[in-house]
Amino acid sequence: MAEVLEALMVICFGISWPLNIRKSYLAGTAKGKSLSFVILIFSGYVFGILSKIIMLGAHQKVSVWVLAVYVLNAVMVFIDFVLYFRNKKLDRMNGIGS
């Protein structure tokens, strides 16, 4: 049951990322975006993934689909991270300081 609740938590967090990625892409600007926030969120997912890998190495029960949700969320946050730098470049090209 604990794994189901953990998965639901990560899924709830993850639902927002596709919307955020779309918004970042369409906005074409890094203005108002916090790079430190994105890095902290990404780091949190990486730590969650490492925790699951350590548990696997210790032969503890780990649900593969919970691990997959962590990885999917980390990939989406990384995409948002990449879009931040794309948008910073667009800002410089358009003479916008952010």
C-alpha atoms as a PDB file:
ATOM      1  CA  MET A   1       0.000   0.000   0.000  1.00  0.00           C
ATOM      2  CA  ALA A   2       2.865   2.390   0.779  1.00  0.00           C
ATOM      3  CA  GLU A   3       4.215   2.000  -2.759  1.00  0.00           C
ATOM      4  CA  VAL A   4       0.805   2.784  -4.239  1.00  0.00           C
ATOM      5  CA  LEU A   5       0.583   5.974  -2.176  1.00  0.00           C
ATOM      6  CA  GLU A   6       4.132   6.938  -3.158  1.00  0.00           C
ATOM      7  CA  ALA A   7       3.323   6.346  -6.815  1.00  0.00           C
ATOM      8  CA  LEU A   8       0.174   8.452  -6.538  1.00  0.00           C
ATOM      9  CA  MET A   9       2.229  11.274  -5.001  1.00  0.00           C
ATOM     10  CA  VAL A  10       4.788  11.158  -7.806  1.00  0.00           C
ATOM     11  CA  ILE A  11       2.048  10.915 -10.441  1.00  0.00           C
ATOM     12  CA  CYS A  12       0.319  13.976  -8.987  1.00  0.00           C
ATOM     13  CA  PHE A  13       3.583  15.916  -9.129  1.00  0.00           C
ATOM     14  CA  GLY A  14       4.225  14.633 -12.630  1.00  0.00           C
ATOM     15  CA  ILE A  15       0.894  15.676 -14.100  1.00  0.00           C
ATOM     16  CA  SER A  16       1.954  19.308 -14.053  1.00  0.00           C
ATOM     17  CA  TRP A  17       5.197  18.841 -16.009  1.00  0.00           C
ATOM     18  CA  PRO A  18       3.753  18.320 -19.511  1.00  0.00           C
ATOM     19  CA  LEU A  19       1.723  21.503 -19.023  1.00  0.00           C
ATOM     20  CA  ASN A  20       4.790  23.366 -17.779  1.00  0.00           C
ATOM     21  CA  ILE A  21       6.905  22.108 -20.690  1.00  0.00           C
ATOM     22  CA  ARG A  22       4.278  23.285 -23.173  1.00  0.00           C
ATOM     23  CA  LYS A  23       4.062  26.678 -21.465  1.00  0.00           C
ATOM     24  CA  SER A  24       7.869  27.076 -21.460  1.00  0.00           C
ATOM     25  CA  TYR A  25       8.096  26.109 -25.123  1.00  0.00           C
ATOM     26  CA  LEU A  26       5.298  28.404 -26.285  1.00  0.00           C
ATOM     27  CA  ALA A  27       6.395  31.341 -24.112  1.00  0.00           C
ATOM     28  CA  GLY A  28       9.805  31.467 -25.768  1.00  0.00           C
ATOM     29  CA  THR A  29      11.217  33.404 -22.808  1.00  0.00           C
ATOM     30  CA  ALA A  30      12.977  32.504 -19.576  1.00  0.00           C
ATOM     31  CA  LYS A  31      11.502  35.549 -17.891  1.00  0.00           C
ATOM     32  CA  GLY A  32       9.794  34.528 -14.671  1.00  0.00           C
ATOM     33  CA  LYS A  33      11.348  31.066 -14.686  1.00  0.00           C
ATOM     34  CA  SER A  34      13.439  29.958 -11.692  1.00  0.00           C
ATOM     35  CA  LEU A  35      16.407  27.827 -12.721  1.00  0.00           C
ATOM     36  CA  SER A  36      17.210  27.003  -9.084  1.00  0.00           C
ATOM     37  CA  PHE A  37      13.663  25.665  -8.606  1.00  0.00           C
ATOM     38  CA  VAL A  38      13.973  23.383 -11.645  1.00  0.00           C
ATOM     39  CA  ILE A  39      17.381  22.142 -10.459  1.00  0.00           C
ATOM     40  CA  LEU A  40      16.035  21.385  -6.974  1.00  0.00           C
ATOM     41  CA  ILE A  41      13.054  19.469  -8.348  1.00  0.00           C
ATOM     42  CA  PHE A  42      15.287  17.513 -10.744  1.00  0.00           C
ATOM     43  CA  SER A  43      17.681  16.724  -7.892  1.00  0.00           C
ATOM     44  CA  GLY A  44      14.786  15.441  -5.799  1.00  0.00           C
ATOM     45  CA  TYR A  45      13.750  13.029  -8.538  1.00  0.00           C
ATOM     46  CA  VAL A  46      17.357  11.866  -9.005  1.00  0.00           C
ATOM     47  CA  PHE A  47      17.600  11.180  -5.254  1.00  0.00           C
ATOM     48  CA  GLY A  48      14.317   9.240  -5.410  1.00  0.00           C
ATOM     49  CA  ILE A  49      15.628   7.167  -8.319  1.00  0.00           C
ATOM     50  CA  LEU A  50      18.912   6.489  -6.513  1.00  0.00           C
ATOM     51  CA  SER A  51      16.964   5.441  -3.426  1.00  0.00           C
ATOM     52  CA  LYS A  52      15.035   2.883  -5.461  1.00  0.00           C
ATOM     53  CA  ILE A  53      18.236   1.587  -7.101  1.00  0.00           C
ATOM     54  CA  ILE A  54      19.897   1.204  -3.683  1.00  0.00           C
ATOM     55  CA  MET A  55      16.828  -0.658  -2.441  1.00  0.00           C
ATOM     56  CA  LEU A  56      17.054  -2.998  -5.441  1.00  0.00           C
ATOM     57  CA  GLY A  57      20.743  -3.596  -4.716  1.00  0.00           C
ATOM     58  CA  ALA A  58      19.865  -4.460  -1.122  1.00  0.00           C
ATOM     59  CA  HIS A  59      17.267  -6.939  -2.428  1.00  0.00           C
ATOM     60  CA  GLN A  60      14.409  -4.945  -0.978  1.00  0.00           C
ATOM     61  CA  LYS A  61      11.021  -4.926  -2.655  1.00  0.00           C
ATOM     62  CA  VAL A  62      10.783  -2.129  -5.221  1.00  0.00           C
ATOM     63  CA  SER A  63       7.917  -1.643  -7.615  1.00  0.00           C
ATOM     64  CA  VAL A  64       9.340  -1.171 -11.100  1.00  0.00           C
ATOM     65  CA  TRP A  65       6.410   1.019 -12.138  1.00  0.00           C
ATOM     66  CA  VAL A  66       7.044   3.392  -9.216  1.00  0.00           C
ATOM     67  CA  LEU A  67      10.666   3.671 -10.343  1.00  0.00           C
ATOM     68  CA  ALA A  68       9.440   4.245 -13.908  1.00  0.00           C
ATOM     69  CA  VAL A  69       7.248   7.150 -12.757  1.00  0.00           C
ATOM     70  CA  TYR A  70      10.245   8.738 -11.027  1.00  0.00           C
ATOM     71  CA  VAL A  71      12.298   8.374 -14.207  1.00  0.00           C
ATOM     72  CA  LEU A  72       9.500   9.782 -16.392  1.00  0.00           C
ATOM     73  CA  ASN A  73       9.153  12.816 -14.117  1.00  0.00           C
ATOM     74  CA  ALA A  74      12.913  13.369 -14.082  1.00  0.00           C
ATOM     75  CA  VAL A  75      12.961  13.283 -17.894  1.00  0.00           C
ATOM     76  CA  MET A  76      10.175  15.870 -18.063  1.00  0.00           C
ATOM     77  CA  VAL A  77      11.944  18.155 -15.576  1.00  0.00           C
ATOM     78  CA  PHE A  78      15.142  17.777 -17.612  1.00  0.00           C
ATOM     79  CA  ILE A  79      13.233  18.819 -20.741  1.00  0.00           C
ATOM     80  CA  ASP A  80      12.041  21.917 -18.880  1.00  0.00           C
ATOM     81  CA  PHE A  81      15.666  22.547 -17.831  1.00  0.00           C
ATOM     82  CA  VAL A  82      16.792  22.398 -21.476  1.00  0.00           C
ATOM     83  CA  LEU A  83      13.943  24.700 -22.504  1.00  0.00           C
ATOM     84  CA  TYR A  84      15.116  27.245 -19.919  1.00  0.00           C
ATOM     85  CA  PHE A  85      18.450  27.570 -21.733  1.00  0.00           C
ATOM     86  CA  ARG A  86      16.750  27.611 -25.133  1.00  0.00           C
ATOM     87  CA  ASN A  87      14.529  30.428 -23.913  1.00  0.00           C
ATOM     88  CA  LYS A  88      17.494  32.307 -22.391  1.00  0.00           C
ATOM     89  CA  LYS A  89      19.115  32.175 -25.826  1.00  0.00           C
ATOM     90  CA  LEU A  90      15.921  33.455 -27.442  1.00  0.00           C
ATOM     91  CA  ASP A  91      15.809  36.255 -24.851  1.00  0.00           C
ATOM     92  CA  ARG A  92      19.362  37.299 -25.751  1.00  0.00           C
ATOM     93  CA  MET A  93      18.536  37.188 -29.465  1.00  0.00           C
ATOM     94  CA  ASN A  94      15.489  39.387 -28.846  1.00  0.00           C
ATOM     95  CA  GLY A  95      17.342  41.755 -26.541  1.00  0.00           C
ATOM     96  CA  ILE A  96      15.305  40.764 -23.496  1.00  0.00           C
ATOM     97  CA  GLY A  97      17.046  40.692 -20.130  1.00  0.00           C
ATOM     98  CA  SER A  98      15.794  38.113 -17.662  1.00  0.00           C
END
